[in-house]
Amino acid sequence: MSTRETAVYTHGHHESVLRSHRWRTAANSAAYLIGRLRPGMAVLDVGCGPGTITADLAELVAPGGRVTAVDAAQDVLEQAAQYVQERGLAAAVTFATADVHALDFPDDSFDVVHAHQVLQHVGDPVQALREMRRVCRPGGIVAARDADYAAMTWYPAEPGLDEWLGLYRRVARANGGEPDAGRRLLSWARAAGFTQVSSSATAWCYATAEETAWWSSLWADRTTASAYASLATGGGHATAAELSAAAEAWHRWGTAPDAWFSVLNGEILARA
């Protein structure tokens, strides 16, 4: 089987994962794209998750615009549809399951194709970008943003988090993904045939006591209770005791009075 066929979504959709995903908005996760959106545009949101960014995109292309939101998991699409309905945007958003490697849409279907934190999890990011380009109209925009795990940084020093980061990167790569995707987006876009690509980077930063408590708690839970935990132990990468130790390290770091954490995200805007 090919890498594309065997790639596994490392995080899954445990509550601790969705707790993080629901925090995301167009403002804090797609600011690099917002200025390119106009009323009446047709947008494809790839890997929409629980729909918080999707809903914002729908508002940004109103009136007259429409968002098609796709994800590989039907259960999270149902949550996204409910959220969009609660926002009063159900008439402007369509949902469907999809594989980004082979999108079930005609050529030249959308003005903007957007993917947030998706390409790090797929087996063939270059093929995914080719498909995103195919369904984007000539002159349209393909936008992607992904974290770069190796560039994550924090204070104060916590050896347990160093061990967690090394373990996470091993597990993600064993699942067919690339955890340091942020730095590779520009290269992947060029390999996919884009010739007009602008690249940038922005960071999420968690620096208040409330933010660091939230961030450390969700990662502690993800480390021991999400699909990642099962993949880490099932793949022989870590024992349950080692995962518990990593979760304890997250809690220690998160309760430090001067805790600070930054996640670097690479971004691309590519012309179809």
C-alpha atoms as a PDB file:
ATOM      1  CA  MET A   1       0.000   0.000   0.000  1.00  0.00           C
ATOM      2  CA  SER A   2       1.170   3.554  -0.664  1.00  0.00           C
ATOM      3  CA  THR A   3       1.977   6.138   2.002  1.00  0.00           C
ATOM      4  CA  ARG A   4      -1.094   8.028   0.857  1.00  0.00           C
ATOM      5  CA  GLU A   5      -3.299   5.024   1.534  1.00  0.00           C
ATOM      6  CA  THR A   6      -1.817   4.277   4.952  1.00  0.00           C
ATOM      7  CA  ALA A   7      -1.569   7.794   6.421  1.00  0.00           C
ATOM      8  CA  VAL A   8      -3.497   8.060   9.689  1.00  0.00           C
ATOM      9  CA  TYR A   9      -4.836  11.208  11.341  1.00  0.00           C
ATOM     10  CA  THR A  10      -2.641  11.283  14.431  1.00  0.00           C
ATOM     11  CA  HIS A  11      -4.945  13.297  16.694  1.00  0.00           C
ATOM     12  CA  GLY A  12      -8.365  11.784  16.050  1.00  0.00           C
ATOM     13  CA  HIS A  13     -11.427  13.649  17.301  1.00  0.00           C
ATOM     14  CA  HIS A  14     -11.264  13.157  21.053  1.00  0.00           C
ATOM     15  CA  GLU A  15     -12.837  15.957  23.094  1.00  0.00           C
ATOM     16  CA  SER A  16      -9.377  17.282  23.994  1.00  0.00           C
ATOM     17  CA  VAL A  17      -8.576  17.664  20.288  1.00  0.00           C
ATOM     18  CA  LEU A  18     -11.841  19.400  19.454  1.00  0.00           C
ATOM     19  CA  ARG A  19     -11.342  21.663  22.478  1.00  0.00           C
ATOM     20  CA  SER A  20      -8.332  23.048  20.647  1.00  0.00           C
ATOM     21  CA  HIS A  21      -9.936  23.095  17.203  1.00  0.00           C
ATOM     22  CA  ARG A  22     -13.023  24.986  18.402  1.00  0.00           C
ATOM     23  CA  TRP A  23     -10.763  27.819  19.592  1.00  0.00           C
ATOM     24  CA  ARG A  24      -9.660  28.491  16.017  1.00  0.00           C
ATOM     25  CA  THR A  25     -11.167  31.385  14.088  1.00  0.00           C
ATOM     26  CA  ALA A  26     -10.416  33.104  10.806  1.00  0.00           C
ATOM     27  CA  ALA A  27      -8.866  35.940  12.829  1.00  0.00           C
ATOM     28  CA  ASN A  28      -6.416  33.771  14.795  1.00  0.00           C
ATOM     29  CA  SER A  29      -5.817  31.072  12.172  1.00  0.00           C
ATOM     30  CA  ALA A  30      -6.393  32.531   8.683  1.00  0.00           C
ATOM     31  CA  ALA A  31      -5.470  36.198   8.964  1.00  0.00           C
ATOM     32  CA  TYR A  32      -3.085  35.810   6.014  1.00  0.00           C
ATOM     33  CA  LEU A  33      -6.090  34.952   3.804  1.00  0.00           C
ATOM     34  CA  ILE A  34      -8.784  37.321   5.072  1.00  0.00           C
ATOM     35  CA  GLY A  35      -7.731  40.278   2.924  1.00  0.00           C
ATOM     36  CA  ARG A  36      -8.162  38.194  -0.248  1.00  0.00           C
ATOM     37  CA  LEU A  37     -11.784  37.251   0.413  1.00  0.00           C
ATOM     38  CA  ARG A  38     -14.653  39.105  -1.263  1.00  0.00           C
ATOM     39  CA  PRO A  39     -18.468  38.877  -1.213  1.00  0.00           C
ATOM     40  CA  GLY A  40     -19.808  36.348  -3.686  1.00  0.00           C
ATOM     41  CA  MET A  41     -16.776  34.054  -3.678  1.00  0.00           C
ATOM     42  CA  ALA A  42     -17.067  30.257  -3.730  1.00  0.00           C
ATOM     43  CA  VAL A  43     -14.749  28.737  -1.107  1.00  0.00           C
ATOM     44  CA  LEU A  44     -13.701  25.144  -0.452  1.00  0.00           C
ATOM     45  CA  ASP A  45     -12.643  24.552   3.160  1.00  0.00           C
ATOM     46  CA  VAL A  46     -10.613  21.332   3.262  1.00  0.00           C
ATOM     47  CA  GLY A  47     -10.390  19.505   6.594  1.00  0.00           C
ATOM     48  CA  CYS A  48     -12.948  21.809   8.198  1.00  0.00           C
ATOM     49  CA  GLY A  49     -13.078  20.024  11.555  1.00  0.00           C
ATOM     50  CA  PRO A  50     -15.750  21.429  13.911  1.00  0.00           C
ATOM     51  CA  GLY A  51     -16.466  24.342  11.591  1.00  0.00           C
ATOM     52  CA  THR A  52     -15.388  27.429  13.497  1.00  0.00           C
ATOM     53  CA  ILE A  53     -13.153  28.732  10.710  1.00  0.00           C
ATOM     54  CA  THR A  54     -15.706  27.568   8.126  1.00  0.00           C
ATOM     55  CA  ALA A  55     -18.404  29.762   9.651  1.00  0.00           C
ATOM     56  CA  ASP A  56     -16.096  32.771   9.681  1.00  0.00           C
ATOM     57  CA  LEU A  57     -15.222  32.213   6.021  1.00  0.00           C
ATOM     58  CA  ALA A  58     -18.921  32.087   5.167  1.00  0.00           C
ATOM     59  CA  GLU A  59     -19.448  35.452   6.851  1.00  0.00           C
ATOM     60  CA  LEU A  60     -16.447  36.930   5.038  1.00  0.00           C
ATOM     61  CA  VAL A  61     -17.771  36.012   1.566  1.00  0.00           C
ATOM     62  CA  ALA A  62     -21.332  37.158   2.298  1.00  0.00           C
ATOM     63  CA  PRO A  63     -23.507  38.280   0.716  1.00  0.00           C
ATOM     64  CA  GLY A  64     -23.756  35.930  -2.201  1.00  0.00           C
ATOM     65  CA  GLY A  65     -20.790  33.735  -1.338  1.00  0.00           C
ATOM     66  CA  ARG A  66     -20.824  30.059  -0.481  1.00  0.00           C
ATOM     67  CA  VAL A  67     -18.530  27.699   1.409  1.00  0.00           C
ATOM     68  CA  THR A  68     -18.232  23.986   0.748  1.00  0.00           C
ATOM     69  CA  ALA A  69     -16.710  22.348   3.834  1.00  0.00           C
ATOM     70  CA  VAL A  70     -15.205  18.884   3.636  1.00  0.00           C
ATOM     71  CA  ASP A  71     -13.560  16.501   6.057  1.00  0.00           C
ATOM     72  CA  ALA A  72     -12.685  12.830   6.080  1.00  0.00           C
ATOM     73  CA  ALA A  73     -14.705  12.174   9.257  1.00  0.00           C
ATOM     74  CA  GLN A  74     -18.495  12.179   9.099  1.00  0.00           C
ATOM     75  CA  ASP A  75     -18.937  12.623  12.859  1.00  0.00           C
ATOM     76  CA  VAL A  76     -17.002  15.877  12.969  1.00  0.00           C
ATOM     77  CA  LEU A  77     -18.918  17.135   9.923  1.00  0.00           C
ATOM     78  CA  GLU A  78     -22.135  16.658  11.874  1.00  0.00           C
ATOM     79  CA  GLN A  79     -20.720  18.787  14.679  1.00  0.00           C
ATOM     80  CA  ALA A  80     -19.619  21.421  12.167  1.00  0.00           C
ATOM     81  CA  ALA A  81     -23.077  21.515  10.577  1.00  0.00           C
ATOM     82  CA  GLN A  82     -24.668  22.050  13.973  1.00  0.00           C
ATOM     83  CA  TYR A  83     -22.231  24.867  14.786  1.00  0.00           C
ATOM     84  CA  VAL A  84     -22.837  26.570  11.440  1.00  0.00           C
ATOM     85  CA  GLN A  85     -26.582  26.310  11.977  1.00  0.00           C
ATOM     86  CA  GLU A  86     -26.224  27.913  15.418  1.00  0.00           C
ATOM     87  CA  ARG A  87     -24.366  30.783  13.761  1.00  0.00           C
ATOM     88  CA  GLY A  88     -27.289  31.250  11.350  1.00  0.00           C
ATOM     89  CA  LEU A  89     -25.180  30.351   8.321  1.00  0.00           C
ATOM     90  CA  ALA A  90     -26.603  26.971   7.285  1.00  0.00           C
ATOM     91  CA  ALA A  91     -27.896  28.332   3.966  1.00  0.00           C
ATOM     92  CA  ALA A  92     -24.394  29.452   2.974  1.00  0.00           C
ATOM     93  CA  VAL A  93     -22.445  26.257   3.793  1.00  0.00           C
ATOM     94  CA  THR A  94     -22.536  22.762   2.263  1.00  0.00           C
ATOM     95  CA  PHE A  95     -20.828  19.789   3.921  1.00  0.00           C
ATOM     96  CA  ALA A  96     -19.399  16.586   2.423  1.00  0.00           C
ATOM     97  CA  THR A  97     -16.869  13.884   3.209  1.00  0.00           C
ATOM     98  CA  ALA A  98     -13.791  14.016   1.010  1.00  0.00           C
ATOM     99  CA  ASP A  99     -10.257  12.781   0.466  1.00  0.00           C
ATOM    100  CA  VAL A 100      -8.006  15.736  -0.325  1.00  0.00           C
ATOM    101  CA  HIS A 101      -5.873  13.486  -2.550  1.00  0.00           C
ATOM    102  CA  ALA A 102      -8.865  12.970  -4.886  1.00  0.00           C
ATOM    103  CA  LEU A 103     -11.478  15.689  -4.451  1.00  0.00           C
ATOM    104  CA  ASP A 104     -14.897  14.880  -5.876  1.00  0.00           C
ATOM    105  CA  PHE A 105     -15.411  18.265  -7.558  1.00  0.00           C
ATOM    106  CA  PRO A 106     -15.033  19.387 -11.182  1.00  0.00           C
ATOM    107  CA  ASP A 107     -12.066  21.412 -12.333  1.00  0.00           C
ATOM    108  CA  ASP A 108     -12.238  25.167 -11.709  1.00  0.00           C
ATOM    109  CA  SER A 109     -15.040  24.950  -9.113  1.00  0.00           C
ATOM    110  CA  PHE A 110     -13.884  27.437  -6.469  1.00  0.00           C
ATOM    111  CA  ASP A 111     -12.400  30.907  -6.158  1.00  0.00           C
ATOM    112  CA  VAL A 112     -10.521  29.973  -2.967  1.00  0.00           C
ATOM    113  CA  VAL A 113      -9.403  26.584  -1.650  1.00  0.00           C
ATOM    114  CA  HIS A 114      -8.337  26.670   1.996  1.00  0.00           C
ATOM    115  CA  ALA A 115      -6.725  24.051   4.246  1.00  0.00           C
ATOM    116  CA  HIS A 116      -5.769  24.702   7.863  1.00  0.00           C
ATOM    117  CA  GLN A 117      -3.550  22.182   9.707  1.00  0.00           C
ATOM    118  CA  VAL A 118      -4.294  19.537   7.078  1.00  0.00           C
ATOM    119  CA  LEU A 119      -1.190  18.916   4.983  1.00  0.00           C
ATOM    120  CA  GLN A 120       0.870  17.763   7.974  1.00  0.00           C
ATOM    121  CA  HIS A 121      -1.477  14.780   8.328  1.00  0.00           C
ATOM    122  CA  VAL A 122      -1.811  13.526   4.746  1.00  0.00           C
ATOM    123  CA  GLY A 123       0.254  10.871   3.046  1.00  0.00           C
ATOM    124  CA  ASP A 124       1.022  12.916  -0.075  1.00  0.00           C
ATOM    125  CA  PRO A 125       0.864  16.686   0.517  1.00  0.00           C
ATOM    126  CA  VAL A 126       2.067  17.478  -2.999  1.00  0.00           C
ATOM    127  CA  GLN A 127      -0.769  15.467  -4.545  1.00  0.00           C
ATOM    128  CA  ALA A 128      -3.176  17.148  -2.120  1.00  0.00           C
ATOM    129  CA  LEU A 129      -2.006  20.556  -3.336  1.00  0.00           C
ATOM    130  CA  ARG A 130      -2.338  19.431  -6.954  1.00  0.00           C
ATOM    131  CA  GLU A 131      -5.956  18.532  -6.270  1.00  0.00           C
ATOM    132  CA  MET A 132      -6.562  21.816  -4.485  1.00  0.00           C
ATOM    133  CA  ARG A 133      -5.106  23.573  -7.520  1.00  0.00           C
ATOM    134  CA  ARG A 134      -7.237  21.532  -9.936  1.00  0.00           C
ATOM    135  CA  VAL A 135     -10.526  22.526  -8.322  1.00  0.00           C
ATOM    136  CA  CYS A 136      -9.497  26.178  -8.013  1.00  0.00           C
ATOM    137  CA  ARG A 137     -10.451  28.531 -10.827  1.00  0.00           C
ATOM    138  CA  PRO A 138      -7.675  30.167 -12.898  1.00  0.00           C
ATOM    139  CA  GLY A 139      -6.485  33.209 -10.971  1.00  0.00           C
ATOM    140  CA  GLY A 140      -7.980  31.853  -7.757  1.00  0.00           C
ATOM    141  CA  ILE A 141      -6.148  31.254  -4.500  1.00  0.00           C
ATOM    142  CA  VAL A 142      -5.015  28.082  -2.780  1.00  0.00           C
ATOM    143  CA  ALA A 143      -4.259  28.841   0.879  1.00  0.00           C
ATOM    144  CA  ALA A 144      -2.654  26.512   3.418  1.00  0.00           C
ATOM    145  CA  ARG A 145      -1.383  26.955   6.966  1.00  0.00           C
ATOM    146  CA  ASP A 146       0.370  24.301   9.054  1.00  0.00           C
ATOM    147  CA  ALA A 147       2.213  24.165  12.337  1.00  0.00           C
ATOM    148  CA  ASP A 148       5.889  23.291  12.546  1.00  0.00           C
ATOM    149  CA  TYR A 149       6.394  21.110  15.604  1.00  0.00           C
ATOM    150  CA  ALA A 150      10.191  21.284  15.627  1.00  0.00           C
ATOM    151  CA  ALA A 151       9.885  25.076  15.863  1.00  0.00           C
ATOM    152  CA  MET A 152       7.632  25.008  18.927  1.00  0.00           C
ATOM    153  CA  THR A 153       9.261  26.729  21.875  1.00  0.00           C
ATOM    154  CA  TRP A 154       8.394  27.304  25.492  1.00  0.00           C
ATOM    155  CA  TYR A 155       9.542  28.609  28.851  1.00  0.00           C
ATOM    156  CA  PRO A 156      10.410  27.566  31.491  1.00  0.00           C
ATOM    157  CA  ALA A 157      12.501  24.583  30.443  1.00  0.00           C
ATOM    158  CA  GLU A 158      10.750  21.275  31.045  1.00  0.00           C
ATOM    159  CA  PRO A 159      12.670  18.126  30.036  1.00  0.00           C
ATOM    160  CA  GLY A 160       9.442  16.164  29.951  1.00  0.00           C
ATOM    161  CA  LEU A 161       8.165  18.393  27.155  1.00  0.00           C
ATOM    162  CA  ASP A 162      11.377  17.841  25.199  1.00  0.00           C
ATOM    163  CA  GLU A 163      10.687  14.124  25.432  1.00  0.00           C
ATOM    164  CA  TRP A 164       7.014  14.651  24.497  1.00  0.00           C
ATOM    165  CA  LEU A 165       7.968  16.613  21.389  1.00  0.00           C
ATOM    166  CA  GLY A 166      10.413  13.976  20.179  1.00  0.00           C
ATOM    167  CA  LEU A 167       7.830  11.265  20.766  1.00  0.00           C
ATOM    168  CA  TYR A 168       5.062  13.169  19.013  1.00  0.00           C
ATOM    169  CA  ARG A 169       7.196  13.715  15.911  1.00  0.00           C
ATOM    170  CA  ARG A 170       8.104  10.008  15.784  1.00  0.00           C
ATOM    171  CA  VAL A 171       4.483   8.927  16.103  1.00  0.00           C
ATOM    172  CA  ALA A 172       3.256  11.404  13.485  1.00  0.00           C
ATOM    173  CA  ARG A 173       5.858  10.260  10.956  1.00  0.00           C
ATOM    174  CA  ALA A 174       5.098   6.606  11.657  1.00  0.00           C
ATOM    175  CA  ASN A 175       1.488   7.441  10.782  1.00  0.00           C
ATOM    176  CA  GLY A 176       2.570   8.783   7.379  1.00  0.00           C
ATOM    177  CA  GLY A 177       2.420  12.489   8.248  1.00  0.00           C
ATOM    178  CA  GLU A 178       4.983  15.294   8.500  1.00  0.00           C
ATOM    179  CA  PRO A 179       4.831  17.197  11.815  1.00  0.00           C
ATOM    180  CA  ASP A 180       7.267  19.879  10.624  1.00  0.00           C
ATOM    181  CA  ALA A 181       5.012  20.786   7.706  1.00  0.00           C
ATOM    182  CA  GLY A 182       5.101  24.555   8.199  1.00  0.00           C
ATOM    183  CA  ARG A 183       8.604  24.951   6.796  1.00  0.00           C
ATOM    184  CA  ARG A 184       7.807  22.687   3.830  1.00  0.00           C
ATOM    185  CA  LEU A 185       4.676  24.360   2.454  1.00  0.00           C
ATOM    186  CA  LEU A 186       6.510  26.562  -0.044  1.00  0.00           C
ATOM    187  CA  SER A 187       8.531  23.612  -1.360  1.00  0.00           C
ATOM    188  CA  TRP A 188       5.442  21.410  -1.594  1.00  0.00           C
ATOM    189  CA  ALA A 189       3.527  24.112  -3.475  1.00  0.00           C
ATOM    190  CA  ARG A 190       6.293  24.473  -6.045  1.00  0.00           C
ATOM    191  CA  ALA A 191       6.495  20.701  -6.437  1.00  0.00           C
ATOM    192  CA  ALA A 192       2.719  20.725  -7.057  1.00  0.00           C
ATOM    193  CA  GLY A 193       3.209  23.061 -10.001  1.00  0.00           C
ATOM    194  CA  PHE A 194       2.435  26.468  -8.524  1.00  0.00           C
ATOM    195  CA  THR A 195       4.637  29.244  -9.896  1.00  0.00           C
ATOM    196  CA  GLN A 196       3.111  32.202  -8.046  1.00  0.00           C
ATOM    197  CA  VAL A 197       3.434  31.496  -4.331  1.00  0.00           C
ATOM    198  CA  SER A 198       3.816  33.891  -1.432  1.00  0.00           C
ATOM    199  CA  SER A 199       4.972  32.387   1.850  1.00  0.00           C
ATOM    200  CA  SER A 200       4.722  33.743   5.388  1.00  0.00           C
ATOM    201  CA  ALA A 201       4.660  32.647   9.006  1.00  0.00           C
ATOM    202  CA  THR A 202       2.666  33.619  12.055  1.00  0.00           C
ATOM    203  CA  ALA A 203       2.526  32.204  15.559  1.00  0.00           C
ATOM    204  CA  TRP A 204       0.022  31.251  18.167  1.00  0.00           C
ATOM    205  CA  CYS A 205       1.296  32.368  21.559  1.00  0.00           C
ATOM    206  CA  TYR A 206      -0.076  31.280  24.919  1.00  0.00           C
ATOM    207  CA  ALA A 207       1.235  33.559  27.637  1.00  0.00           C
ATOM    208  CA  THR A 208      -1.467  34.366  30.197  1.00  0.00           C
ATOM    209  CA  ALA A 209      -2.211  32.074  33.126  1.00  0.00           C
ATOM    210  CA  GLU A 210      -5.574  31.218  31.583  1.00  0.00           C
ATOM    211  CA  GLU A 211      -4.059  30.442  28.170  1.00  0.00           C
ATOM    212  CA  THR A 212      -1.225  28.269  29.473  1.00  0.00           C
ATOM    213  CA  ALA A 213      -3.571  26.359  31.789  1.00  0.00           C
ATOM    214  CA  TRP A 214      -5.900  25.676  28.844  1.00  0.00           C
ATOM    215  CA  TRP A 215      -3.092  24.690  26.465  1.00  0.00           C
ATOM    216  CA  SER A 216      -1.305  22.426  28.935  1.00  0.00           C
ATOM    217  CA  SER A 217      -4.520  20.748  30.067  1.00  0.00           C
ATOM    218  CA  LEU A 218      -5.696  19.883  26.574  1.00  0.00           C
ATOM    219  CA  TRP A 219      -2.290  18.518  25.596  1.00  0.00           C
ATOM    220  CA  ALA A 220      -2.068  16.465  28.771  1.00  0.00           C
ATOM    221  CA  ASP A 221      -5.458  14.963  27.933  1.00  0.00           C
ATOM    222  CA  ARG A 222      -4.519  14.403  24.283  1.00  0.00           C
ATOM    223  CA  THR A 223      -1.338  12.637  25.347  1.00  0.00           C
ATOM    224  CA  THR A 224      -3.147  10.030  27.445  1.00  0.00           C
ATOM    225  CA  ALA A 225      -6.702   9.790  26.109  1.00  0.00           C
ATOM    226  CA  SER A 226      -6.864  10.639  22.383  1.00  0.00           C
ATOM    227  CA  ALA A 227      -6.199   8.559  19.282  1.00  0.00           C
ATOM    228  CA  TYR A 228      -2.592   9.729  19.557  1.00  0.00           C
ATOM    229  CA  ALA A 229      -2.222   7.785  22.816  1.00  0.00           C
ATOM    230  CA  SER A 230      -3.469   4.583  21.206  1.00  0.00           C
ATOM    231  CA  LEU A 231      -1.190   5.064  18.206  1.00  0.00           C
ATOM    232  CA  ALA A 232       1.807   5.772  20.434  1.00  0.00           C
ATOM    233  CA  THR A 233       1.352   2.666  22.559  1.00  0.00           C
ATOM    234  CA  GLY A 234       0.012   0.434  19.789  1.00  0.00           C
ATOM    235  CA  GLY A 235       2.934   1.330  17.549  1.00  0.00           C
ATOM    236  CA  GLY A 236       5.480   0.547  20.243  1.00  0.00           C
ATOM    237  CA  HIS A 237       6.653   4.153  20.502  1.00  0.00           C
ATOM    238  CA  ALA A 238       5.828   4.617  24.189  1.00  0.00           C
ATOM    239  CA  THR A 239       4.331   2.856  27.175  1.00  0.00           C
ATOM    240  CA  ALA A 240       1.248   4.076  29.012  1.00  0.00           C
ATOM    241  CA  ALA A 241       3.518   5.040  31.912  1.00  0.00           C
ATOM    242  CA  GLU A 242       5.660   7.164  29.599  1.00  0.00           C
ATOM    243  CA  LEU A 243       2.573   8.926  28.254  1.00  0.00           C
ATOM    244  CA  SER A 244       1.415   9.602  31.812  1.00  0.00           C
ATOM    245  CA  ALA A 245       4.818  11.082  32.592  1.00  0.00           C
ATOM    246  CA  ALA A 246       4.503  13.361  29.544  1.00  0.00           C
ATOM    247  CA  ALA A 247       1.047  14.476  30.694  1.00  0.00           C
ATOM    248  CA  GLU A 248       2.472  15.264  34.137  1.00  0.00           C
ATOM    249  CA  ALA A 249       5.187  17.342  32.456  1.00  0.00           C
ATOM    250  CA  TRP A 250       2.493  19.326  30.652  1.00  0.00           C
ATOM    251  CA  HIS A 251       0.745  19.998  33.961  1.00  0.00           C
ATOM    252  CA  ARG A 252       4.008  21.049  35.648  1.00  0.00           C
ATOM    253  CA  TRP A 253       4.814  23.450  32.850  1.00  0.00           C
ATOM    254  CA  GLY A 254       1.276  24.829  32.707  1.00  0.00           C
ATOM    255  CA  THR A 255       1.244  25.791  36.380  1.00  0.00           C
ATOM    256  CA  ALA A 256       4.526  27.718  36.242  1.00  0.00           C
ATOM    257  CA  PRO A 257       3.826  31.401  37.016  1.00  0.00           C
ATOM    258  CA  ASP A 258       5.795  32.601  33.988  1.00  0.00           C
ATOM    259  CA  ALA A 259       4.813  29.846  31.520  1.00  0.00           C
ATOM    260  CA  TRP A 260       4.954  30.817  27.832  1.00  0.00           C
ATOM    261  CA  PHE A 261       4.459  28.728  24.681  1.00  0.00           C
ATOM    262  CA  SER A 262       4.643  29.573  20.988  1.00  0.00           C
ATOM    263  CA  VAL A 263       3.585  27.548  17.938  1.00  0.00           C
ATOM    264  CA  LEU A 264       5.091  28.669  14.634  1.00  0.00           C
ATOM    265  CA  ASN A 265       2.811  28.216  11.612  1.00  0.00           C
ATOM    266  CA  GLY A 266       3.947  28.332   7.994  1.00  0.00           C
ATOM    267  CA  GLU A 267       1.520  29.768   5.416  1.00  0.00           C
ATOM    268  CA  ILE A 268       1.192  29.906   1.662  1.00  0.00           C
ATOM    269  CA  LEU A 269      -1.021  31.796  -0.767  1.00  0.00           C
ATOM    270  CA  ALA A 270      -0.669  30.234  -4.204  1.00  0.00           C
ATOM    271  CA  ARG A 271      -2.270  31.419  -7.459  1.00  0.00           C
ATOM    272  CA  ALA A 272      -4.005  28.726  -9.455  1.00  0.00           C
END
